[in-house]
Amino acid sequence: MYEGGQVKDAAYLAFDRVSKRFGDVPVVSETTLAIARNSFTIFLGPSGCGKTTLMRMVGGLDSPSAGVIRLDGEVITKPDRRRGMVFQSYSSFPWLTVEGNIAFGMRYRDDLSDEQRAARVDHYLKLIGMTDFRKSYPNRISGGMRQRVAIARTLAAGSDVLLMDEPFGALDALTRERLQLELRQIQRVEEKTVIFVTHDVEEAVFLADRIILFSARPARVLHDIDVEAVLGPSRTLEVRESEAFFRLRNKVLHMIRNETGDHG
């Protein structure tokens, strides 16, 4: 049950009493969550609280100290192409062109013919609006474009779940805003499940269907907020200027300030 009162079928990605310690240091407290297929979920919390560690466990890059995480009923034990990650740093390969970077995401796709690979590259170039830059190298395009390429490479790999760790954190405000809009559109068109980690409240409220707000380390769930119930399923720049958006943003800010003790 979300705080907004809306019930959703959320059994696709399930956290069952998951916790994590690094040595004697607790990083994630026992966490039980269920995330719906094709939803856009934000993990929001103070810097260093453990939300990225929780996302890395979804990706199979870290293992829980206790509990299990299941994707579509199957326990996650290691990385696989169903779960793709996009990081804050620009993760393009400098020796490959834009189309080469996207194609690289399919390097383990034995189920695709050369023609199918080429068609997927064309599809994702169009999806991210970079057909004219297909022969360009990463050092010749902007940071925002490089992040688009990283997203397209992950999609081309066939990932059902996109795990995004502050992917727009290093971008200027206008580029960040534009990519937020594009990401929402891509997620809807491609019908992907997104987990997006950020400590930026405004970004979280604008992007999310649902916000999971975590405490300071060790991370524990403080609030489970149904953003879609307040702002609706579509996001536009007009939504960002709405009274409902400002009210929800201020409410979430207040929740975080109560947790961190930062009252200005």
C-alpha atoms as a PDB file:
ATOM      1  CA  MET A   1       0.000   0.000   0.000  1.00  0.00           C
ATOM      2  CA  TYR A   2       1.452   3.360  -1.011  1.00  0.00           C
ATOM      3  CA  GLU A   3       0.974   6.366   1.267  1.00  0.00           C
ATOM      4  CA  GLY A   4      -1.249   7.783  -1.433  1.00  0.00           C
ATOM      5  CA  GLY A   5      -3.577   4.846  -0.847  1.00  0.00           C
ATOM      6  CA  GLN A   6      -3.274   3.305  -4.314  1.00  0.00           C
ATOM      7  CA  VAL A   7      -2.762  -0.458  -4.459  1.00  0.00           C
ATOM      8  CA  LYS A   8      -0.632  -1.839  -7.286  1.00  0.00           C
ATOM      9  CA  ASP A   9       0.498  -5.284  -8.348  1.00  0.00           C
ATOM     10  CA  ALA A  10       4.088  -4.952  -7.198  1.00  0.00           C
ATOM     11  CA  ALA A  11       5.444  -8.487  -7.101  1.00  0.00           C
ATOM     12  CA  TYR A  12       7.805  -8.167 -10.086  1.00  0.00           C
ATOM     13  CA  LEU A  13      10.877  -7.087  -8.096  1.00  0.00           C
ATOM     14  CA  ALA A  14      10.710  -8.192  -4.472  1.00  0.00           C
ATOM     15  CA  PHE A  15      13.051  -7.451  -1.556  1.00  0.00           C
ATOM     16  CA  ASP A  16      12.512 -10.010   1.194  1.00  0.00           C
ATOM     17  CA  ARG A  17      14.071  -8.912   4.520  1.00  0.00           C
ATOM     18  CA  VAL A  18      17.235  -7.730   2.774  1.00  0.00           C
ATOM     19  CA  SER A  19      20.074  -6.249   4.823  1.00  0.00           C
ATOM     20  CA  LYS A  20      23.721  -5.477   4.144  1.00  0.00           C
ATOM     21  CA  ARG A  21      26.830  -5.075   6.269  1.00  0.00           C
ATOM     22  CA  PHE A  22      30.373  -4.294   5.241  1.00  0.00           C
ATOM     23  CA  GLY A  23      32.383  -5.904   8.008  1.00  0.00           C
ATOM     24  CA  ASP A  24      31.013  -4.527  11.262  1.00  0.00           C
ATOM     25  CA  VAL A  25      29.353  -1.562   9.559  1.00  0.00           C
ATOM     26  CA  PRO A  26      25.593  -1.873   8.903  1.00  0.00           C
ATOM     27  CA  VAL A  27      24.741  -0.224   5.572  1.00  0.00           C
ATOM     28  CA  VAL A  28      21.175  -1.388   4.846  1.00  0.00           C
ATOM     29  CA  SER A  29      18.707  -2.298   7.592  1.00  0.00           C
ATOM     30  CA  GLU A  30      16.257  -5.147   7.043  1.00  0.00           C
ATOM     31  CA  THR A  31      14.184  -4.052   4.050  1.00  0.00           C
ATOM     32  CA  THR A  32      11.076  -5.581   2.523  1.00  0.00           C
ATOM     33  CA  LEU A  33       9.741  -3.948  -0.644  1.00  0.00           C
ATOM     34  CA  ALA A  34       7.818  -4.901  -3.759  1.00  0.00           C
ATOM     35  CA  ILE A  35       8.182  -2.986  -7.032  1.00  0.00           C
ATOM     36  CA  ALA A  36       5.762  -3.242  -9.934  1.00  0.00           C
ATOM     37  CA  ARG A  37       6.730  -4.142 -13.492  1.00  0.00           C
ATOM     38  CA  ASN A  38       7.162  -1.113 -15.798  1.00  0.00           C
ATOM     39  CA  SER A  39       7.138   1.330 -12.885  1.00  0.00           C
ATOM     40  CA  PHE A  40       9.544   4.221 -12.268  1.00  0.00           C
ATOM     41  CA  THR A  41      10.750   4.014  -8.668  1.00  0.00           C
ATOM     42  CA  ILE A  42      13.097   6.511  -7.052  1.00  0.00           C
ATOM     43  CA  PHE A  43      15.367   5.587  -4.149  1.00  0.00           C
ATOM     44  CA  LEU A  44      15.746   8.911  -2.340  1.00  0.00           C
ATOM     45  CA  GLY A  45      17.737   9.671   0.772  1.00  0.00           C
ATOM     46  CA  PRO A  46      20.700  11.519   2.257  1.00  0.00           C
ATOM     47  CA  SER A  47      24.082  11.070   0.582  1.00  0.00           C
ATOM     48  CA  GLY A  48      25.823   7.934   1.812  1.00  0.00           C
ATOM     49  CA  CYS A  49      22.688   6.428   3.338  1.00  0.00           C
ATOM     50  CA  GLY A  50      22.979   3.047   1.565  1.00  0.00           C
ATOM     51  CA  LYS A  51      20.472   3.492  -1.268  1.00  0.00           C
ATOM     52  CA  THR A  52      23.106   2.854  -3.964  1.00  0.00           C
ATOM     53  CA  THR A  53      24.190  -0.322  -2.162  1.00  0.00           C
ATOM     54  CA  LEU A  54      20.595  -1.537  -2.254  1.00  0.00           C
ATOM     55  CA  MET A  55      20.414  -0.833  -5.983  1.00  0.00           C
ATOM     56  CA  ARG A  56      23.747  -2.594  -6.585  1.00  0.00           C
ATOM     57  CA  MET A  57      22.304  -5.683  -4.918  1.00  0.00           C
ATOM     58  CA  VAL A  58      19.461  -5.581  -7.451  1.00  0.00           C
ATOM     59  CA  GLY A  59      22.117  -5.519 -10.161  1.00  0.00           C
ATOM     60  CA  GLY A  60      23.924  -8.498  -8.664  1.00  0.00           C
ATOM     61  CA  LEU A  61      27.070  -6.420  -8.068  1.00  0.00           C
ATOM     62  CA  ASP A  62      26.752  -6.826  -4.288  1.00  0.00           C
ATOM     63  CA  SER A  63      25.132  -9.664  -2.335  1.00  0.00           C
ATOM     64  CA  PRO A  64      22.797  -9.236   0.642  1.00  0.00           C
ATOM     65  CA  SER A  65      24.203 -10.149   4.038  1.00  0.00           C
ATOM     66  CA  ALA A  66      20.742 -11.498   4.817  1.00  0.00           C
ATOM     67  CA  GLY A  67      17.507 -11.920   2.885  1.00  0.00           C
ATOM     68  CA  VAL A  68      16.943 -12.296  -0.848  1.00  0.00           C
ATOM     69  CA  ILE A  69      15.949 -10.191  -3.848  1.00  0.00           C
ATOM     70  CA  ARG A  70      13.773 -11.801  -6.515  1.00  0.00           C
ATOM     71  CA  LEU A  71      13.139 -10.663 -10.071  1.00  0.00           C
ATOM     72  CA  ASP A  72       9.982 -12.177 -11.508  1.00  0.00           C
ATOM     73  CA  GLY A  73      10.200 -14.910  -8.872  1.00  0.00           C
ATOM     74  CA  GLU A  74      13.875 -15.778  -9.480  1.00  0.00           C
ATOM     75  CA  VAL A  75      16.481 -15.081  -6.791  1.00  0.00           C
ATOM     76  CA  ILE A  76      19.152 -12.626  -7.949  1.00  0.00           C
ATOM     77  CA  THR A  77      22.638 -14.046  -7.387  1.00  0.00           C
ATOM     78  CA  LYS A  78      24.767 -12.377 -10.067  1.00  0.00           C
ATOM     79  CA  PRO A  79      24.616  -9.763 -12.841  1.00  0.00           C
ATOM     80  CA  ASP A  80      22.813 -10.580 -16.064  1.00  0.00           C
ATOM     81  CA  ARG A  81      21.557  -8.631 -19.065  1.00  0.00           C
ATOM     82  CA  ARG A  82      18.004  -8.412 -17.719  1.00  0.00           C
ATOM     83  CA  ARG A  83      19.298  -5.714 -15.365  1.00  0.00           C
ATOM     84  CA  GLY A  84      21.363  -2.919 -16.886  1.00  0.00           C
ATOM     85  CA  MET A  85      23.129  -0.133 -15.012  1.00  0.00           C
ATOM     86  CA  VAL A  86      23.739   3.509 -15.921  1.00  0.00           C
ATOM     87  CA  PHE A  87      26.103   5.454 -13.680  1.00  0.00           C
ATOM     88  CA  GLN A  88      26.775   9.139 -13.045  1.00  0.00           C
ATOM     89  CA  SER A  89      30.133   9.002 -14.815  1.00  0.00           C
ATOM     90  CA  TYR A  90      29.991   9.037 -18.590  1.00  0.00           C
ATOM     91  CA  SER A  91      30.523   5.366 -19.338  1.00  0.00           C
ATOM     92  CA  SER A  92      30.941   5.508 -23.106  1.00  0.00           C
ATOM     93  CA  PHE A  93      33.892   3.698 -24.657  1.00  0.00           C
ATOM     94  CA  PRO A  94      36.093   6.395 -26.250  1.00  0.00           C
ATOM     95  CA  TRP A  95      37.483   4.106 -28.965  1.00  0.00           C
ATOM     96  CA  LEU A  96      33.991   3.287 -30.282  1.00  0.00           C
ATOM     97  CA  THR A  97      31.616   5.515 -32.226  1.00  0.00           C
ATOM     98  CA  VAL A  98      28.124   6.257 -30.946  1.00  0.00           C
ATOM     99  CA  GLU A  99      26.684   3.367 -32.946  1.00  0.00           C
ATOM    100  CA  GLY A 100      29.587   1.162 -31.859  1.00  0.00           C
ATOM    101  CA  ASN A 101      28.841   1.933 -28.215  1.00  0.00           C
ATOM    102  CA  ILE A 102      25.191   0.995 -28.650  1.00  0.00           C
ATOM    103  CA  ALA A 103      26.107  -2.193 -30.511  1.00  0.00           C
ATOM    104  CA  PHE A 104      28.527  -3.093 -27.706  1.00  0.00           C
ATOM    105  CA  GLY A 105      25.526  -3.615 -25.440  1.00  0.00           C
ATOM    106  CA  MET A 106      24.554  -6.598 -27.595  1.00  0.00           C
ATOM    107  CA  ARG A 107      27.930  -8.348 -27.499  1.00  0.00           C
ATOM    108  CA  TYR A 108      26.473 -11.324 -25.578  1.00  0.00           C
ATOM    109  CA  ARG A 109      23.223 -11.530 -27.551  1.00  0.00           C
ATOM    110  CA  ASP A 110      23.721 -14.827 -29.383  1.00  0.00           C
ATOM    111  CA  ASP A 111      20.025 -14.798 -30.211  1.00  0.00           C
ATOM    112  CA  LEU A 112      20.391 -11.859 -32.635  1.00  0.00           C
ATOM    113  CA  SER A 113      21.495 -11.956 -36.265  1.00  0.00           C
ATOM    114  CA  ASP A 114      23.721  -9.245 -37.715  1.00  0.00           C
ATOM    115  CA  GLU A 115      20.658  -7.746 -39.400  1.00  0.00           C
ATOM    116  CA  GLN A 116      18.742  -7.682 -36.108  1.00  0.00           C
ATOM    117  CA  ARG A 117      21.669  -6.039 -34.333  1.00  0.00           C
ATOM    118  CA  ALA A 118      21.860  -3.346 -36.993  1.00  0.00           C
ATOM    119  CA  ALA A 119      18.107  -2.770 -36.770  1.00  0.00           C
ATOM    120  CA  ARG A 120      18.312  -2.394 -32.980  1.00  0.00           C
ATOM    121  CA  VAL A 121      21.142   0.116 -33.284  1.00  0.00           C
ATOM    122  CA  ASP A 122      19.025   2.140 -35.733  1.00  0.00           C
ATOM    123  CA  HIS A 123      16.008   1.906 -33.431  1.00  0.00           C
ATOM    124  CA  TYR A 124      17.841   3.194 -30.369  1.00  0.00           C
ATOM    125  CA  LEU A 125      19.669   5.910 -32.283  1.00  0.00           C
ATOM    126  CA  LYS A 126      16.258   7.228 -33.320  1.00  0.00           C
ATOM    127  CA  LEU A 127      14.855   6.787 -29.822  1.00  0.00           C
ATOM    128  CA  ILE A 128      17.575   8.978 -28.261  1.00  0.00           C
ATOM    129  CA  GLY A 129      17.550  11.437 -31.160  1.00  0.00           C
ATOM    130  CA  MET A 130      21.153  10.818 -32.243  1.00  0.00           C
ATOM    131  CA  THR A 131      20.934   9.325 -35.721  1.00  0.00           C
ATOM    132  CA  ASP A 132      22.982  12.232 -37.095  1.00  0.00           C
ATOM    133  CA  PHE A 133      25.760  11.485 -34.581  1.00  0.00           C
ATOM    134  CA  ARG A 134      26.074   7.745 -35.215  1.00  0.00           C
ATOM    135  CA  LYS A 135      29.646   8.042 -36.551  1.00  0.00           C
ATOM    136  CA  SER A 136      30.792  10.492 -33.862  1.00  0.00           C
ATOM    137  CA  TYR A 137      33.187   9.534 -31.076  1.00  0.00           C
ATOM    138  CA  PRO A 138      32.357  10.282 -27.419  1.00  0.00           C
ATOM    139  CA  ASN A 139      34.954  13.065 -27.174  1.00  0.00           C
ATOM    140  CA  ARG A 140      33.061  14.920 -29.915  1.00  0.00           C
ATOM    141  CA  ILE A 141      29.664  14.957 -28.220  1.00  0.00           C
ATOM    142  CA  SER A 142      28.313  16.575 -25.056  1.00  0.00           C
ATOM    143  CA  GLY A 143      27.967  14.978 -21.625  1.00  0.00           C
ATOM    144  CA  GLY A 144      24.218  14.800 -22.045  1.00  0.00           C
ATOM    145  CA  MET A 145      24.622  12.988 -25.354  1.00  0.00           C
ATOM    146  CA  ARG A 146      27.054  10.526 -23.779  1.00  0.00           C
ATOM    147  CA  GLN A 147      24.466   9.713 -21.116  1.00  0.00           C
ATOM    148  CA  ARG A 148      21.874   9.133 -23.846  1.00  0.00           C
ATOM    149  CA  VAL A 149      24.289   6.696 -25.477  1.00  0.00           C
ATOM    150  CA  ALA A 150      24.799   4.876 -22.166  1.00  0.00           C
ATOM    151  CA  ILE A 151      21.032   4.519 -21.761  1.00  0.00           C
ATOM    152  CA  ALA A 152      20.641   3.302 -25.363  1.00  0.00           C
ATOM    153  CA  ARG A 153      23.446   0.752 -24.896  1.00  0.00           C
ATOM    154  CA  THR A 154      21.696  -0.646 -21.826  1.00  0.00           C
ATOM    155  CA  LEU A 155      18.365  -0.831 -23.655  1.00  0.00           C
ATOM    156  CA  ALA A 156      19.969  -2.507 -26.679  1.00  0.00           C
ATOM    157  CA  ALA A 157      21.318  -5.238 -24.406  1.00  0.00           C
ATOM    158  CA  GLY A 158      17.718  -6.231 -23.751  1.00  0.00           C
ATOM    159  CA  SER A 159      17.582  -5.139 -20.120  1.00  0.00           C
ATOM    160  CA  ASP A 160      14.117  -5.269 -18.575  1.00  0.00           C
ATOM    161  CA  VAL A 161      15.225  -3.316 -15.506  1.00  0.00           C
ATOM    162  CA  LEU A 162      17.237  -0.087 -15.702  1.00  0.00           C
ATOM    163  CA  LEU A 163      19.273   0.680 -12.588  1.00  0.00           C
ATOM    164  CA  MET A 164      20.354   4.311 -12.652  1.00  0.00           C
ATOM    165  CA  ASP A 165      22.749   5.763 -10.082  1.00  0.00           C
ATOM    166  CA  GLU A 166      22.449   9.580 -10.227  1.00  0.00           C
ATOM    167  CA  PRO A 167      22.977   9.479 -14.018  1.00  0.00           C
ATOM    168  CA  PHE A 168      22.295  13.210 -14.496  1.00  0.00           C
ATOM    169  CA  GLY A 169      24.202  14.463 -11.456  1.00  0.00           C
ATOM    170  CA  ALA A 170      27.126  15.920 -13.418  1.00  0.00           C
ATOM    171  CA  LEU A 171      25.007  17.734 -16.017  1.00  0.00           C
ATOM    172  CA  ASP A 172      23.998  21.377 -16.179  1.00  0.00           C
ATOM    173  CA  ALA A 173      20.451  22.244 -15.124  1.00  0.00           C
ATOM    174  CA  LEU A 174      18.918  22.636 -18.600  1.00  0.00           C
ATOM    175  CA  THR A 175      20.490  19.441 -19.975  1.00  0.00           C
ATOM    176  CA  ARG A 176      19.420  17.576 -16.869  1.00  0.00           C
ATOM    177  CA  GLU A 177      15.835  18.776 -17.245  1.00  0.00           C
ATOM    178  CA  ARG A 178      15.724  17.763 -20.908  1.00  0.00           C
ATOM    179  CA  LEU A 179      17.106  14.287 -20.200  1.00  0.00           C
ATOM    180  CA  GLN A 180      14.637  13.791 -17.360  1.00  0.00           C
ATOM    181  CA  LEU A 181      11.791  14.384 -19.810  1.00  0.00           C
ATOM    182  CA  GLU A 182      13.389  12.081 -22.383  1.00  0.00           C
ATOM    183  CA  LEU A 183      13.971   9.331 -19.826  1.00  0.00           C
ATOM    184  CA  ARG A 184      10.321   9.337 -18.787  1.00  0.00           C
ATOM    185  CA  GLN A 185       9.302   9.056 -22.443  1.00  0.00           C
ATOM    186  CA  ILE A 186      11.775   6.247 -23.130  1.00  0.00           C
ATOM    187  CA  GLN A 187      10.625   4.345 -20.052  1.00  0.00           C
ATOM    188  CA  ARG A 188       6.994   4.531 -21.192  1.00  0.00           C
ATOM    189  CA  VAL A 189       7.698   3.650 -24.828  1.00  0.00           C
ATOM    190  CA  GLU A 190      10.043   0.758 -24.014  1.00  0.00           C
ATOM    191  CA  GLU A 191       7.965  -0.446 -21.019  1.00  0.00           C
ATOM    192  CA  LYS A 192      10.938  -0.765 -18.684  1.00  0.00           C
ATOM    193  CA  THR A 193      11.121  -1.018 -14.925  1.00  0.00           C
ATOM    194  CA  VAL A 194      13.373   1.760 -13.619  1.00  0.00           C
ATOM    195  CA  ILE A 195      15.058   2.141 -10.247  1.00  0.00           C
ATOM    196  CA  PHE A 196      16.697   5.550 -10.082  1.00  0.00           C
ATOM    197  CA  VAL A 197      18.921   6.632  -7.186  1.00  0.00           C
ATOM    198  CA  THR A 198      19.180  10.317  -6.298  1.00  0.00           C
ATOM    199  CA  HIS A 199      19.474  12.674  -3.335  1.00  0.00           C
ATOM    200  CA  ASP A 200      17.863  15.504  -5.364  1.00  0.00           C
ATOM    201  CA  VAL A 201      14.302  15.963  -4.116  1.00  0.00           C
ATOM    202  CA  GLU A 202      13.079  17.989  -7.100  1.00  0.00           C
ATOM    203  CA  GLU A 203      14.429  15.392  -9.546  1.00  0.00           C
ATOM    204  CA  ALA A 204      12.804  12.598  -7.532  1.00  0.00           C
ATOM    205  CA  VAL A 205       9.365  14.206  -7.450  1.00  0.00           C
ATOM    206  CA  PHE A 206       9.465  15.072 -11.149  1.00  0.00           C
ATOM    207  CA  LEU A 207      10.563  11.628 -12.366  1.00  0.00           C
ATOM    208  CA  ALA A 208       8.972   9.124 -10.022  1.00  0.00           C
ATOM    209  CA  ASP A 209       5.809   7.102 -10.080  1.00  0.00           C
ATOM    210  CA  ARG A 210       6.831   6.197  -6.557  1.00  0.00           C
ATOM    211  CA  ILE A 211       9.466   7.447  -4.107  1.00  0.00           C
ATOM    212  CA  ILE A 212      11.038   5.199  -1.488  1.00  0.00           C
ATOM    213  CA  LEU A 213      12.514   7.582   1.063  1.00  0.00           C
ATOM    214  CA  PHE A 214      15.364   6.122   3.109  1.00  0.00           C
ATOM    215  CA  SER A 215      16.830   7.137   6.447  1.00  0.00           C
ATOM    216  CA  ALA A 216      20.444   8.027   7.074  1.00  0.00           C
ATOM    217  CA  ARG A 217      22.763   4.983   7.154  1.00  0.00           C
ATOM    218  CA  PRO A 218      21.955   2.234   7.761  1.00  0.00           C
ATOM    219  CA  ALA A 219      19.208   2.708   5.196  1.00  0.00           C
ATOM    220  CA  ARG A 220      15.691   1.861   6.302  1.00  0.00           C
ATOM    221  CA  VAL A 221      12.450   2.790   4.597  1.00  0.00           C
ATOM    222  CA  LEU A 222      10.958   5.927   6.141  1.00  0.00           C
ATOM    223  CA  HIS A 223       8.179   6.660   3.657  1.00  0.00           C
ATOM    224  CA  ASP A 224       6.674   5.051   0.551  1.00  0.00           C
ATOM    225  CA  ILE A 225       5.128   7.857  -1.497  1.00  0.00           C
ATOM    226  CA  ASP A 226       2.748   7.431  -4.429  1.00  0.00           C
ATOM    227  CA  VAL A 227       3.760  10.348  -6.661  1.00  0.00           C
ATOM    228  CA  GLU A 228       1.579   9.233  -9.570  1.00  0.00           C
ATOM    229  CA  ALA A 229      -1.525   9.602  -7.391  1.00  0.00           C
ATOM    230  CA  VAL A 230      -0.631  13.277  -6.892  1.00  0.00           C
ATOM    231  CA  LEU A 231       0.877  14.325 -10.241  1.00  0.00           C
ATOM    232  CA  GLY A 232      -0.608  11.771 -12.647  1.00  0.00           C
ATOM    233  CA  PRO A 233       1.225   9.421 -15.027  1.00  0.00           C
ATOM    234  CA  SER A 234       2.528  12.061 -17.479  1.00  0.00           C
ATOM    235  CA  ARG A 235       5.291  14.546 -16.754  1.00  0.00           C
ATOM    236  CA  THR A 236       5.757  17.825 -18.593  1.00  0.00           C
ATOM    237  CA  LEU A 237       7.445  21.104 -17.778  1.00  0.00           C
ATOM    238  CA  GLU A 238       3.986  22.414 -16.892  1.00  0.00           C
ATOM    239  CA  VAL A 239       3.727  19.756 -14.168  1.00  0.00           C
ATOM    240  CA  ARG A 240       6.964  21.079 -12.718  1.00  0.00           C
ATOM    241  CA  GLU A 241       5.385  24.518 -12.343  1.00  0.00           C
ATOM    242  CA  SER A 242       2.169  23.248 -10.745  1.00  0.00           C
ATOM    243  CA  GLU A 243       1.038  23.869  -7.191  1.00  0.00           C
ATOM    244  CA  ALA A 244       0.700  20.118  -6.614  1.00  0.00           C
ATOM    245  CA  PHE A 245       4.361  19.632  -7.577  1.00  0.00           C
ATOM    246  CA  PHE A 246       5.565  22.329  -5.181  1.00  0.00           C
ATOM    247  CA  ARG A 247       3.435  21.002  -2.335  1.00  0.00           C
ATOM    248  CA  LEU A 248       4.760  17.463  -2.768  1.00  0.00           C
ATOM    249  CA  ARG A 249       8.363  18.628  -3.171  1.00  0.00           C
ATOM    250  CA  ASN A 250       8.121  20.662   0.034  1.00  0.00           C
ATOM    251  CA  LYS A 251       6.526  17.745   1.875  1.00  0.00           C
ATOM    252  CA  VAL A 252       9.377  15.409   0.874  1.00  0.00           C
ATOM    253  CA  LEU A 253      11.984  18.043   1.771  1.00  0.00           C
ATOM    254  CA  HIS A 254      10.395  18.345   5.192  1.00  0.00           C
ATOM    255  CA  MET A 255      10.572  14.557   5.647  1.00  0.00           C
ATOM    256  CA  ILE A 256      14.298  14.542   4.807  1.00  0.00           C
ATOM    257  CA  ARG A 257      15.038  17.505   7.069  1.00  0.00           C
ATOM    258  CA  ASN A 258      13.306  15.748   9.940  1.00  0.00           C
ATOM    259  CA  GLU A 259      15.512  12.718   9.356  1.00  0.00           C
ATOM    260  CA  THR A 260      18.814  14.582   9.023  1.00  0.00           C
ATOM    261  CA  GLY A 261      18.088  17.238  11.623  1.00  0.00           C
ATOM    262  CA  ASP A 262      18.766  19.955   9.030  1.00  0.00           C
ATOM    263  CA  HIS A 263      16.144  22.630   9.602  1.00  0.00           C
ATOM    264  CA  GLY A 264      18.072  25.491   8.048  1.00  0.00           C
END
